[in-house]
């Protein structure tokens, strides 16, 4: 029997995550102290070659180092035709994203 794909609620729409997708739950604080760990997890997900879903539900804060890492992730994913998407990105770091003008690079709606 095939496993049932996980379904994420995003706004008014439900997003079905393919069963082969890798899901990475982001920490509440995405900052320079955790960037190396996040980079390692992203590299492992990339090596697996499966679609990636970033769960941003818990994110309360993101500093410039974390945003730079995520911008590089989405840039590389686009260049390599690798499916990377967000699940419920928190609106908490929206002001910093707006200030740095990186929402488009992170495939996020403008704040």
C-alpha atoms as a PDB file:
ATOM      1  CA  UNK A   1       0.000   0.000   0.000  1.00  0.00           C
ATOM      2  CA  UNK A   2       1.327   3.452  -0.923  1.00  0.00           C
ATOM      3  CA  UNK A   3       1.838   5.854   1.960  1.00  0.00           C
ATOM      4  CA  UNK A   4      -0.648   8.718   2.092  1.00  0.00           C
ATOM      5  CA  UNK A   5       1.018  12.020   1.231  1.00  0.00           C
ATOM      6  CA  UNK A   6       1.121  14.540   4.050  1.00  0.00           C
ATOM      7  CA  UNK A   7      -1.127  17.532   3.513  1.00  0.00           C
ATOM      8  CA  UNK A   8      -0.168  21.004   4.707  1.00  0.00           C
ATOM      9  CA  UNK A   9      -2.683  23.793   5.096  1.00  0.00           C
ATOM     10  CA  UNK A  10      -1.516  27.059   3.565  1.00  0.00           C
ATOM     11  CA  UNK A  11      -4.011  29.868   3.742  1.00  0.00           C
ATOM     12  CA  UNK A  12      -7.164  28.781   1.967  1.00  0.00           C
ATOM     13  CA  UNK A  13      -5.485  25.959   0.064  1.00  0.00           C
ATOM     14  CA  UNK A  14      -4.118  22.613   1.144  1.00  0.00           C
ATOM     15  CA  UNK A  15      -0.732  21.741  -0.264  1.00  0.00           C
ATOM     16  CA  UNK A  16      -0.031  18.066  -0.747  1.00  0.00           C
ATOM     17  CA  UNK A  17       3.561  17.147  -0.067  1.00  0.00           C
ATOM     18  CA  UNK A  18       4.800  14.251  -2.156  1.00  0.00           C
ATOM     19  CA  UNK A  19       5.624  11.231   0.014  1.00  0.00           C
ATOM     20  CA  UNK A  20       9.198  11.311  -1.298  1.00  0.00           C
ATOM     21  CA  UNK A  21       9.751  14.931  -0.192  1.00  0.00           C
ATOM     22  CA  UNK A  22      12.203  15.828   2.529  1.00  0.00           C
ATOM     23  CA  UNK A  23      10.679  18.139   5.149  1.00  0.00           C
ATOM     24  CA  UNK A  24      12.963  20.363   7.204  1.00  0.00           C
ATOM     25  CA  UNK A  25      11.382  22.084  10.186  1.00  0.00           C
ATOM     26  CA  UNK A  26      13.068  25.429  10.729  1.00  0.00           C
ATOM     27  CA  UNK A  27      13.980  26.483  14.252  1.00  0.00           C
ATOM     28  CA  UNK A  28      12.252  29.395  15.997  1.00  0.00           C
ATOM     29  CA  UNK A  29      15.456  31.415  15.693  1.00  0.00           C
ATOM     30  CA  UNK A  30      17.250  31.216  12.374  1.00  0.00           C
ATOM     31  CA  UNK A  31      20.489  32.981  13.167  1.00  0.00           C
ATOM     32  CA  UNK A  32      24.205  32.720  12.673  1.00  0.00           C
ATOM     33  CA  UNK A  33      24.578  30.275  15.575  1.00  0.00           C
ATOM     34  CA  UNK A  34      22.456  27.695  13.742  1.00  0.00           C
ATOM     35  CA  UNK A  35      23.403  28.457  10.134  1.00  0.00           C
ATOM     36  CA  UNK A  36      26.024  25.707   9.925  1.00  0.00           C
ATOM     37  CA  UNK A  37      23.541  23.084  11.172  1.00  0.00           C
ATOM     38  CA  UNK A  38      20.857  24.316   8.776  1.00  0.00           C
ATOM     39  CA  UNK A  39      23.362  24.335   5.899  1.00  0.00           C
ATOM     40  CA  UNK A  40      24.310  20.737   6.716  1.00  0.00           C
ATOM     41  CA  UNK A  41      20.666  19.660   6.770  1.00  0.00           C
ATOM     42  CA  UNK A  42      20.024  21.439   3.467  1.00  0.00           C
ATOM     43  CA  UNK A  43      23.086  19.789   1.919  1.00  0.00           C
ATOM     44  CA  UNK A  44      21.878  16.344   3.033  1.00  0.00           C
ATOM     45  CA  UNK A  45      18.448  17.071   1.568  1.00  0.00           C
ATOM     46  CA  UNK A  46      20.053  18.179  -1.694  1.00  0.00           C
ATOM     47  CA  UNK A  47      22.178  15.032  -1.839  1.00  0.00           C
ATOM     48  CA  UNK A  48      19.019  12.932  -1.450  1.00  0.00           C
ATOM     49  CA  UNK A  49      17.726  14.551  -4.635  1.00  0.00           C
ATOM     50  CA  UNK A  50      14.114  14.621  -3.475  1.00  0.00           C
ATOM     51  CA  UNK A  51      11.815  17.653  -3.378  1.00  0.00           C
ATOM     52  CA  UNK A  52      12.330  19.798  -0.286  1.00  0.00           C
ATOM     53  CA  UNK A  53       9.698  21.429   1.903  1.00  0.00           C
ATOM     54  CA  UNK A  54      10.824  24.006   4.450  1.00  0.00           C
ATOM     55  CA  UNK A  55       8.396  24.198   7.363  1.00  0.00           C
ATOM     56  CA  UNK A  56       8.592  27.782   8.612  1.00  0.00           C
ATOM     57  CA  UNK A  57       5.734  27.567  11.083  1.00  0.00           C
ATOM     58  CA  UNK A  58       7.933  28.046  14.170  1.00  0.00           C
ATOM     59  CA  UNK A  59      10.219  30.786  12.829  1.00  0.00           C
ATOM     60  CA  UNK A  60      10.090  33.872  15.027  1.00  0.00           C
ATOM     61  CA  UNK A  61      13.364  35.485  14.029  1.00  0.00           C
ATOM     62  CA  UNK A  62      15.800  35.297  11.124  1.00  0.00           C
ATOM     63  CA  UNK A  63      19.060  37.195  10.866  1.00  0.00           C
ATOM     64  CA  UNK A  64      20.990  38.203   7.770  1.00  0.00           C
ATOM     65  CA  UNK A  65      23.217  35.102   7.791  1.00  0.00           C
ATOM     66  CA  UNK A  66      20.207  32.770   7.720  1.00  0.00           C
ATOM     67  CA  UNK A  67      18.463  34.816   5.034  1.00  0.00           C
ATOM     68  CA  UNK A  68      21.630  34.723   2.903  1.00  0.00           C
ATOM     69  CA  UNK A  69      21.788  30.938   3.233  1.00  0.00           C
ATOM     70  CA  UNK A  70      18.141  30.600   2.243  1.00  0.00           C
ATOM     71  CA  UNK A  71      18.577  32.991  -0.702  1.00  0.00           C
ATOM     72  CA  UNK A  72      21.489  30.848  -1.926  1.00  0.00           C
ATOM     73  CA  UNK A  73      19.362  27.721  -1.477  1.00  0.00           C
ATOM     74  CA  UNK A  74      16.557  29.069  -3.645  1.00  0.00           C
ATOM     75  CA  UNK A  75      18.982  30.416  -6.242  1.00  0.00           C
ATOM     76  CA  UNK A  76      20.713  27.022  -6.513  1.00  0.00           C
ATOM     77  CA  UNK A  77      17.375  25.194  -6.546  1.00  0.00           C
ATOM     78  CA  UNK A  78      16.140  27.308  -9.439  1.00  0.00           C
ATOM     79  CA  UNK A  79      19.353  26.804 -11.399  1.00  0.00           C
ATOM     80  CA  UNK A  80      19.277  23.031 -10.802  1.00  0.00           C
ATOM     81  CA  UNK A  81      15.498  22.658 -11.314  1.00  0.00           C
ATOM     82  CA  UNK A  82      15.200  21.309  -7.769  1.00  0.00           C
ATOM     83  CA  UNK A  83      11.746  21.591  -6.207  1.00  0.00           C
ATOM     84  CA  UNK A  84      12.006  23.608  -2.986  1.00  0.00           C
ATOM     85  CA  UNK A  85       8.946  25.143  -1.378  1.00  0.00           C
ATOM     86  CA  UNK A  86       7.736  26.637   1.882  1.00  0.00           C
ATOM     87  CA  UNK A  87       5.089  25.363   4.237  1.00  0.00           C
ATOM     88  CA  UNK A  88       3.534  28.165   6.278  1.00  0.00           C
ATOM     89  CA  UNK A  89       6.428  30.603   6.382  1.00  0.00           C
ATOM     90  CA  UNK A  90       6.112  32.675   9.512  1.00  0.00           C
ATOM     91  CA  UNK A  91       5.372  36.364   9.076  1.00  0.00           C
ATOM     92  CA  UNK A  92       7.621  37.249  12.039  1.00  0.00           C
ATOM     93  CA  UNK A  93      10.818  37.873  10.021  1.00  0.00           C
ATOM     94  CA  UNK A  94       8.835  39.768   7.369  1.00  0.00           C
ATOM     95  CA  UNK A  95      10.140  43.199   8.378  1.00  0.00           C
ATOM     96  CA  UNK A  96      13.761  42.087   7.978  1.00  0.00           C
ATOM     97  CA  UNK A  97      12.964  40.472   4.612  1.00  0.00           C
ATOM     98  CA  UNK A  98      11.267  43.679   3.520  1.00  0.00           C
ATOM     99  CA  UNK A  99      14.210  45.784   4.686  1.00  0.00           C
ATOM    100  CA  UNK A 100      16.685  43.530   2.863  1.00  0.00           C
ATOM    101  CA  UNK A 101      14.376  43.126  -0.154  1.00  0.00           C
ATOM    102  CA  UNK A 102      14.830  39.352  -0.306  1.00  0.00           C
ATOM    103  CA  UNK A 103      11.230  38.060  -0.322  1.00  0.00           C
ATOM    104  CA  UNK A 104      11.350  37.368  -4.060  1.00  0.00           C
ATOM    105  CA  UNK A 105      14.640  35.472  -3.695  1.00  0.00           C
ATOM    106  CA  UNK A 106      13.096  33.308  -0.985  1.00  0.00           C
ATOM    107  CA  UNK A 107       9.998  32.551  -3.070  1.00  0.00           C
ATOM    108  CA  UNK A 108       7.877  34.282  -0.433  1.00  0.00           C
ATOM    109  CA  UNK A 109       5.056  36.751  -0.872  1.00  0.00           C
ATOM    110  CA  UNK A 110       6.111  40.362  -0.363  1.00  0.00           C
ATOM    111  CA  UNK A 111       5.577  41.485   3.218  1.00  0.00           C
END
